[in-house]
Amino acid sequence: MVKKEPAEPEARTSAGDLLVLEVVFVLVGVAGLALWSVPAALVVAGVLGVLACERAMSRADRRAAGAGRGREATGGERT
């Protein structure tokens, strides 16, 4: 099997790198908000935490649904 390499080394950014960048960005934003108002930062951090959990559960559900379709497409039995 032949794998194509990206023409530019910068194009090799993985999803893990983007996740780390996103987490750092959110933490810096919440820390900046905490310098102005601690209660507001706590509320915003709580809302962002709930959104992150919902996003992770949605991603896990999509992966599980994709795995189920793969078994049916190959003619496997349902369990």
PDB file of N, CA and C in Angstrom:
ATOM      1  N   MET A   1       0.838  -1.170   0.000  1.00  0.00           N
ATOM      2  CA  MET A   1       0.000   0.000   0.000  1.00  0.00           C
ATOM      3  C   MET A   1       0.888   1.240   0.000  1.00  0.00           C
ATOM      4  N   VAL A   2       0.572   2.183  -0.860  1.00  0.00           N
ATOM      5  CA  VAL A   2       1.348   3.405  -0.982  1.00  0.00           C
ATOM      6  C   VAL A   2       0.669   4.506  -0.186  1.00  0.00           C
ATOM      7  N   LYS A   3       1.459   5.160   0.657  1.00  0.00           N
ATOM      8  CA  LYS A   3       0.924   6.273   1.438  1.00  0.00           C
ATOM      9  C   LYS A   3       1.444   7.577   0.865  1.00  0.00           C
ATOM     10  N   LYS A   4       0.546   8.536   0.706  1.00  0.00           N
ATOM     11  CA  LYS A   4       0.958   9.848   0.236  1.00  0.00           C
ATOM     12  C   LYS A   4       1.359  10.699   1.428  1.00  0.00           C
ATOM     13  N   GLU A   5       2.503  11.315   1.348  1.00  0.00           N
ATOM     14  CA  GLU A   5       2.962  12.231   2.384  1.00  0.00           C
ATOM     15  C   GLU A   5       2.543  13.642   2.001  1.00  0.00           C
ATOM     16  N   PRO A   6       2.142  14.457   2.964  1.00  0.00           N
ATOM     17  CA  PRO A   6       1.808  15.843   2.649  1.00  0.00           C
ATOM     18  C   PRO A   6       3.024  16.574   2.099  1.00  0.00           C
ATOM     19  N   ALA A   7       2.783  17.496   1.183  1.00  0.00           N
ATOM     20  CA  ALA A   7       3.870  18.239   0.567  1.00  0.00           C
ATOM     21  C   ALA A   7       4.587  19.112   1.590  1.00  0.00           C
ATOM     22  N   GLU A   8       3.842  19.643   2.544  1.00  0.00           N
ATOM     23  CA  GLU A   8       4.418  20.528   3.550  1.00  0.00           C
ATOM     24  C   GLU A   8       4.446  19.821   4.896  1.00  0.00           C
ATOM     25  N   PRO A   9       5.553  19.941   5.642  1.00  0.00           N
ATOM     26  CA  PRO A   9       5.607  19.314   6.965  1.00  0.00           C
ATOM     27  C   PRO A   9       4.574  19.881   7.928  1.00  0.00           C
ATOM     28  N   GLU A  10       4.174  21.136   7.742  1.00  0.00           N
ATOM     29  CA  GLU A  10       3.181  21.747   8.622  1.00  0.00           C
ATOM     30  C   GLU A  10       1.811  21.107   8.458  1.00  0.00           C
ATOM     31  N   ALA A  11       1.567  20.428   7.360  1.00  0.00           N
ATOM     32  CA  ALA A  11       0.265  19.825   7.095  1.00  0.00           C
ATOM     33  C   ALA A  11       0.050  18.550   7.898  1.00  0.00           C
ATOM     34  N   ARG A  12       1.034  18.101   8.652  1.00  0.00           N
ATOM     35  CA  ARG A  12       0.939  16.863   9.415  1.00  0.00           C
ATOM     36  C   ARG A  12       0.360  17.059  10.808  1.00  0.00           C
ATOM     37  N   THR A  13      -0.336  18.132  11.054  1.00  0.00           N
ATOM     38  CA  THR A  13      -0.909  18.397  12.368  1.00  0.00           C
ATOM     39  C   THR A  13      -1.946  17.329  12.693  1.00  0.00           C
ATOM     40  N   SER A  14      -1.780  16.706  13.836  1.00  0.00           N
ATOM     41  CA  SER A  14      -2.711  15.646  14.219  1.00  0.00           C
ATOM     42  C   SER A  14      -3.855  16.219  15.039  1.00  0.00           C
ATOM     43  N   ALA A  15      -4.870  15.399  15.247  1.00  0.00           N
ATOM     44  CA  ALA A  15      -6.019  15.835  16.042  1.00  0.00           C
ATOM     45  C   ALA A  15      -5.612  16.079  17.482  1.00  0.00           C
ATOM     46  N   GLY A  16      -4.641  15.322  17.991  1.00  0.00           N
ATOM     47  CA  GLY A  16      -4.166  15.512  19.362  1.00  0.00           C
ATOM     48  C   GLY A  16      -3.535  16.878  19.560  1.00  0.00           C
ATOM     49  N   ASP A  17      -2.773  17.338  18.565  1.00  0.00           N
ATOM     50  CA  ASP A  17      -2.157  18.662  18.653  1.00  0.00           C
ATOM     51  C   ASP A  17      -3.223  19.752  18.685  1.00  0.00           C
ATOM     52  N   LEU A  18      -4.251  19.586  17.875  1.00  0.00           N
ATOM     53  CA  LEU A  18      -5.318  20.580  17.844  1.00  0.00           C
ATOM     54  C   LEU A  18      -6.108  20.583  19.155  1.00  0.00           C
ATOM     55  N   LEU A  19      -6.291  19.412  19.746  1.00  0.00           N
ATOM     56  CA  LEU A  19      -6.991  19.328  21.020  1.00  0.00           C
ATOM     57  C   LEU A  19      -6.205  20.041  22.116  1.00  0.00           C
ATOM     58  N   VAL A  20      -4.904  19.833  22.152  1.00  0.00           N
ATOM     59  CA  VAL A  20      -4.064  20.508  23.145  1.00  0.00           C
ATOM     60  C   VAL A  20      -4.122  22.015  22.949  1.00  0.00           C
ATOM     61  N   LEU A  21      -4.060  22.459  21.711  1.00  0.00           N
ATOM     62  CA  LEU A  21      -4.139  23.885  21.417  1.00  0.00           C
ATOM     63  C   LEU A  21      -5.484  24.459  21.858  1.00  0.00           C
ATOM     64  N   GLU A  22      -6.551  23.729  21.621  1.00  0.00           N
ATOM     65  CA  GLU A  22      -7.882  24.180  22.024  1.00  0.00           C
ATOM     66  C   GLU A  22      -7.997  24.279  23.549  1.00  0.00           C
ATOM     67  N   VAL A  23      -7.476  23.287  24.269  1.00  0.00           N
ATOM     68  CA  VAL A  23      -7.532  23.301  25.733  1.00  0.00           C
ATOM     69  C   VAL A  23      -6.734  24.466  26.288  1.00  0.00           C
ATOM     70  N   VAL A  24      -5.546  24.708  25.756  1.00  0.00           N
ATOM     71  CA  VAL A  24      -4.718  25.830  26.221  1.00  0.00           C
ATOM     72  C   VAL A  24      -5.433  27.149  25.961  1.00  0.00           C
ATOM     73  N   PHE A  25      -6.034  27.288  24.805  1.00  0.00           N
ATOM     74  CA  PHE A  25      -6.758  28.523  24.466  1.00  0.00           C
ATOM     75  C   PHE A  25      -7.889  28.780  25.455  1.00  0.00           C
ATOM     76  N   VAL A  26      -8.657  27.743  25.770  1.00  0.00           N
ATOM     77  CA  VAL A  26      -9.778  27.900  26.701  1.00  0.00           C
ATOM     78  C   VAL A  26      -9.271  28.231  28.108  1.00  0.00           C
ATOM     79  N   LEU A  27      -8.207  27.554  28.547  1.00  0.00           N
ATOM     80  CA  LEU A  27      -7.668  27.828  29.880  1.00  0.00           C
ATOM     81  C   LEU A  27      -7.148  29.255  30.004  1.00  0.00           C
ATOM     82  N   VAL A  28      -6.482  29.740  28.973  1.00  0.00           N
ATOM     83  CA  VAL A  28      -5.993  31.123  29.004  1.00  0.00           C
ATOM     84  C   VAL A  28      -7.170  32.098  29.034  1.00  0.00           C
ATOM     85  N   GLY A  29      -8.213  31.797  28.277  1.00  0.00           N
ATOM     86  CA  GLY A  29      -9.394  32.670  28.292  1.00  0.00           C
ATOM     87  C   GLY A  29     -10.078  32.699  29.648  1.00  0.00           C
ATOM     88  N   VAL A  30     -10.232  31.540  30.275  1.00  0.00           N
ATOM     89  CA  VAL A  30     -10.864  31.476  31.597  1.00  0.00           C
ATOM     90  C   VAL A  30      -9.977  32.150  32.644  1.00  0.00           C
ATOM     91  N   ALA A  31      -8.663  31.973  32.539  1.00  0.00           N
ATOM     92  CA  ALA A  31      -7.750  32.630  33.487  1.00  0.00           C
ATOM     93  C   ALA A  31      -7.820  34.147  33.326  1.00  0.00           C
ATOM     94  N   GLY A  32      -7.908  34.618  32.104  1.00  0.00           N
ATOM     95  CA  GLY A  32      -8.047  36.058  31.877  1.00  0.00           C
ATOM     96  C   GLY A  32      -9.354  36.585  32.428  1.00  0.00           C
ATOM     97  N   LEU A  33     -10.411  35.836  32.268  1.00  0.00           N
ATOM     98  CA  LEU A  33     -11.700  36.233  32.829  1.00  0.00           C
ATOM     99  C   LEU A  33     -11.652  36.227  34.353  1.00  0.00           C
ATOM    100  N   ALA A  34     -10.917  35.277  34.936  1.00  0.00           N
ATOM    101  CA  ALA A  34     -10.803  35.189  36.397  1.00  0.00           C
ATOM    102  C   ALA A  34     -10.079  36.404  36.965  1.00  0.00           C
ATOM    103  N   LEU A  35      -9.200  37.018  36.197  1.00  0.00           N
ATOM    104  CA  LEU A  35      -8.533  38.237  36.656  1.00  0.00           C
ATOM    105  C   LEU A  35      -9.527  39.384  36.799  1.00  0.00           C
ATOM    106  N   TRP A  36     -10.594  39.328  36.020  1.00  0.00           N
ATOM    107  CA  TRP A  36     -11.598  40.384  36.068  1.00  0.00           C
ATOM    108  C   TRP A  36     -12.710  40.035  37.048  1.00  0.00           C
ATOM    109  N   SER A  37     -13.221  38.791  36.997  1.00  0.00           N
ATOM    110  CA  SER A  37     -14.327  38.381  37.855  1.00  0.00           C
ATOM    111  C   SER A  37     -14.259  36.872  38.099  1.00  0.00           C
ATOM    112  N   VAL A  38     -13.958  36.498  39.324  1.00  0.00           N
ATOM    113  CA  VAL A  38     -13.837  35.075  39.657  1.00  0.00           C
ATOM    114  C   VAL A  38     -15.175  34.340  39.519  1.00  0.00           C
ATOM    115  N   PRO A  39     -16.289  34.888  40.026  1.00  0.00           N
ATOM    116  CA  PRO A  39     -17.562  34.157  39.853  1.00  0.00           C
ATOM    117  C   PRO A  39     -17.934  33.944  38.385  1.00  0.00           C
ATOM    118  N   ALA A  40     -17.693  34.922  37.554  1.00  0.00           N
ATOM    119  CA  ALA A  40     -17.997  34.774  36.126  1.00  0.00           C
ATOM    120  C   ALA A  40     -17.111  33.703  35.502  1.00  0.00           C
ATOM    121  N   ALA A  41     -15.851  33.648  35.916  1.00  0.00           N
ATOM    122  CA  ALA A  41     -14.944  32.631  35.387  1.00  0.00           C
ATOM    123  C   ALA A  41     -15.393  31.234  35.799  1.00  0.00           C
ATOM    124  N   LEU A  42     -15.895  31.103  37.029  1.00  0.00           N
ATOM    125  CA  LEU A  42     -16.380  29.793  37.482  1.00  0.00           C
ATOM    126  C   LEU A  42     -17.604  29.350  36.686  1.00  0.00           C
ATOM    127  N   VAL A  43     -18.498  30.274  36.417  1.00  0.00           N
ATOM    128  CA  VAL A  43     -19.696  29.946  35.634  1.00  0.00           C
ATOM    129  C   VAL A  43     -19.308  29.556  34.208  1.00  0.00           C
ATOM    130  N   VAL A  44     -18.452  30.340  33.603  1.00  0.00           N
ATOM    131  CA  VAL A  44     -18.025  30.045  32.230  1.00  0.00           C
ATOM    132  C   VAL A  44     -17.279  28.721  32.176  1.00  0.00           C
ATOM    133  N   ALA A  45     -16.410  28.453  33.142  1.00  0.00           N
ATOM    134  CA  ALA A  45     -15.676  27.186  33.173  1.00  0.00           C
ATOM    135  C   ALA A  45     -16.643  26.009  33.328  1.00  0.00           C
ATOM    136  N   GLY A  46     -17.682  26.164  34.133  1.00  0.00           N
ATOM    137  CA  GLY A  46     -18.675  25.104  34.292  1.00  0.00           C
ATOM    138  C   GLY A  46     -19.426  24.826  33.007  1.00  0.00           C
ATOM    139  N   VAL A  47     -19.841  25.877  32.329  1.00  0.00           N
ATOM    140  CA  VAL A  47     -20.556  25.717  31.054  1.00  0.00           C
ATOM    141  C   VAL A  47     -19.651  25.058  30.020  1.00  0.00           C
ATOM    142  N   LEU A  48     -18.402  25.509  29.942  1.00  0.00           N
ATOM    143  CA  LEU A  48     -17.471  24.914  28.981  1.00  0.00           C
ATOM    144  C   LEU A  48     -17.174  23.451  29.317  1.00  0.00           C
ATOM    145  N   GLY A  49     -17.146  23.110  30.596  1.00  0.00           N
ATOM    146  CA  GLY A  49     -16.944  21.722  30.998  1.00  0.00           C
ATOM    147  C   GLY A  49     -18.095  20.833  30.565  1.00  0.00           C
ATOM    148  N   VAL A  50     -19.310  21.342  30.726  1.00  0.00           N
ATOM    149  CA  VAL A  50     -20.489  20.581  30.282  1.00  0.00           C
ATOM    150  C   VAL A  50     -20.463  20.403  28.764  1.00  0.00           C
ATOM    151  N   LEU A  51     -20.111  21.444  28.038  1.00  0.00           N
ATOM    152  CA  LEU A  51     -20.029  21.337  26.582  1.00  0.00           C
ATOM    153  C   LEU A  51     -18.966  20.331  26.157  1.00  0.00           C
ATOM    154  N   ALA A  52     -17.841  20.308  26.849  1.00  0.00           N
ATOM    155  CA  ALA A  52     -16.781  19.361  26.516  1.00  0.00           C
ATOM    156  C   ALA A  52     -17.240  17.923  26.756  1.00  0.00           C
ATOM    157  N   CYS A  53     -17.966  17.705  27.850  1.00  0.00           N
ATOM    158  CA  CYS A  53     -18.472  16.351  28.130  1.00  0.00           C
ATOM    159  C   CYS A  53     -19.498  15.926  27.081  1.00  0.00           C
ATOM    160  N   GLU A  54     -20.392  16.811  26.704  1.00  0.00           N
ATOM    161  CA  GLU A  54     -21.388  16.501  25.676  1.00  0.00           C
ATOM    162  C   GLU A  54     -20.714  16.179  24.351  1.00  0.00           C
ATOM    163  N   ARG A  55     -19.677  16.935  24.040  1.00  0.00           N
ATOM    164  CA  ARG A  55     -18.951  16.718  22.791  1.00  0.00           C
ATOM    165  C   ARG A  55     -18.261  15.360  22.790  1.00  0.00           C
ATOM    166  N   ALA A  56     -17.657  15.007  23.911  1.00  0.00           N
ATOM    167  CA  ALA A  56     -16.975  13.713  24.012  1.00  0.00           C
ATOM    168  C   ALA A  56     -17.971  12.562  23.929  1.00  0.00           C
ATOM    169  N   MET A  57     -19.126  12.701  24.572  1.00  0.00           N
ATOM    170  CA  MET A  57     -20.140  11.641  24.509  1.00  0.00           C
ATOM    171  C   MET A  57     -20.696  11.500  23.101  1.00  0.00           C
ATOM    172  N   SER A  58     -20.882  12.618  22.410  1.00  0.00           N
ATOM    173  CA  SER A  58     -21.381  12.578  21.041  1.00  0.00           C
ATOM    174  C   SER A  58     -20.381  11.879  20.131  1.00  0.00           C
ATOM    175  N   ARG A  59     -19.097  12.172  20.325  1.00  0.00           N
ATOM    176  CA  ARG A  59     -18.061  11.540  19.513  1.00  0.00           C
ATOM    177  C   ARG A  59     -18.009  10.042  19.787  1.00  0.00           C
ATOM    178  N   ALA A  60     -18.166   9.649  21.043  1.00  0.00           N
ATOM    179  CA  ALA A  60     -18.157   8.224  21.390  1.00  0.00           C
ATOM    180  C   ALA A  60     -19.376   7.520  20.794  1.00  0.00           C
ATOM    181  N   ASP A  61     -20.536   8.182  20.810  1.00  0.00           N
ATOM    182  CA  ASP A  61     -21.745   7.594  20.223  1.00  0.00           C
ATOM    183  C   ASP A  61     -21.581   7.392  18.717  1.00  0.00           C
ATOM    184  N   ARG A  62     -20.976   8.366  18.044  1.00  0.00           N
ATOM    185  CA  ARG A  62     -20.774   8.239  16.606  1.00  0.00           C
ATOM    186  C   ARG A  62     -19.819   7.098  16.284  1.00  0.00           C
ATOM    187  N   ARG A  63     -18.781   6.937  17.101  1.00  0.00           N
ATOM    188  CA  ARG A  63     -17.849   5.829  16.874  1.00  0.00           C
ATOM    189  C   ARG A  63     -18.544   4.490  17.088  1.00  0.00           C
ATOM    190  N   ALA A  64     -19.376   4.400  18.121  1.00  0.00           N
ATOM    191  CA  ALA A  64     -20.089   3.151  18.395  1.00  0.00           C
ATOM    192  C   ALA A  64     -21.078   2.848  17.274  1.00  0.00           C
ATOM    193  N   ALA A  65     -21.757   3.856  16.766  1.00  0.00           N
ATOM    194  CA  ALA A  65     -22.700   3.653  15.673  1.00  0.00           C
ATOM    195  C   ALA A  65     -21.972   3.227  14.406  1.00  0.00           C
ATOM    196  N   GLY A  66     -20.809   3.768  14.169  1.00  0.00           N
ATOM    197  CA  GLY A  66     -20.023   3.388  12.995  1.00  0.00           C
ATOM    198  C   GLY A  66     -19.539   1.961  13.088  1.00  0.00           C
ATOM    199  N   ALA A  67     -19.201   1.519  14.282  1.00  0.00           N
ATOM    200  CA  ALA A  67     -18.750   0.137  14.463  1.00  0.00           C
ATOM    201  C   ALA A  67     -19.901  -0.825  14.203  1.00  0.00           C
ATOM    202  N   GLY A  68     -21.118  -0.453  14.589  1.00  0.00           N
ATOM    203  CA  GLY A  68     -22.283  -1.299  14.349  1.00  0.00           C
ATOM    204  C   GLY A  68     -22.586  -1.441  12.872  1.00  0.00           C
ATOM    205  N   ARG A  69     -22.453  -0.354  12.137  1.00  0.00           N
ATOM    206  CA  ARG A  69     -22.707  -0.415  10.700  1.00  0.00           C
ATOM    207  C   ARG A  69     -21.679  -1.280   9.996  1.00  0.00           C
ATOM    208  N   GLY A  70     -20.461  -1.271  10.488  1.00  0.00           N
ATOM    209  CA  GLY A  70     -19.418  -2.076   9.864  1.00  0.00           C
ATOM    210  C   GLY A  70     -19.711  -3.552   9.984  1.00  0.00           C
ATOM    211  N   ARG A  71     -20.255  -3.982  11.128  1.00  0.00           N
ATOM    212  CA  ARG A  71     -20.572  -5.398  11.301  1.00  0.00           C
ATOM    213  C   ARG A  71     -21.715  -5.806  10.388  1.00  0.00           C
ATOM    214  N   GLU A  72     -22.727  -4.951  10.253  1.00  0.00           N
ATOM    215  CA  GLU A  72     -23.868  -5.303   9.399  1.00  0.00           C
ATOM    216  C   GLU A  72     -23.464  -5.355   7.933  1.00  0.00           C
ATOM    217  N   ALA A  73     -22.581  -4.459   7.538  1.00  0.00           N
ATOM    218  CA  ALA A  73     -22.181  -4.409   6.133  1.00  0.00           C
ATOM    219  C   ALA A  73     -21.410  -5.658   5.735  1.00  0.00           C
ATOM    220  N   THR A  74     -20.742  -6.293   6.682  1.00  0.00           N
ATOM    221  CA  THR A  74     -19.970  -7.491   6.354  1.00  0.00           C
ATOM    222  C   THR A  74     -20.803  -8.765   6.488  1.00  0.00           C
ATOM    223  N   GLY A  75     -22.071  -8.627   6.864  1.00  0.00           N
ATOM    224  CA  GLY A  75     -22.933  -9.785   6.963  1.00  0.00           C
ATOM    225  C   GLY A  75     -22.844 -10.494   8.301  1.00  0.00           C
ATOM    226  N   GLY A  76     -22.285  -9.854   9.309  1.00  0.00           N
ATOM    227  CA  GLY A  76     -22.151 -10.470  10.615  1.00  0.00           C
ATOM    228  C   GLY A  76     -23.483 -10.529  11.338  1.00  0.00           C
ATOM    229  N   GLU A  77     -23.562 -11.353  12.354  1.00  0.00           N
ATOM    230  CA  GLU A  77     -24.788 -11.482  13.133  1.00  0.00           C
ATOM    231  C   GLU A  77     -24.886 -10.374  14.153  1.00  0.00           C
ATOM    232  N   ARG A  78     -26.117  -9.969  14.427  1.00  0.00           N
ATOM    233  CA  ARG A  78     -26.359  -8.995  15.482  1.00  0.00           C
ATOM    234  C   ARG A  78     -26.366  -9.685  16.826  1.00  0.00           C
ATOM    235  N   THR A  79     -25.803  -9.024  17.815  1.00  0.00           N
ATOM    236  CA  THR A  79     -25.810  -9.607  19.153  1.00  0.00           C
ATOM    237  C   THR A  79     -26.614  -8.761  20.088  1.00  0.00           C
TER     238      THR A  79
END
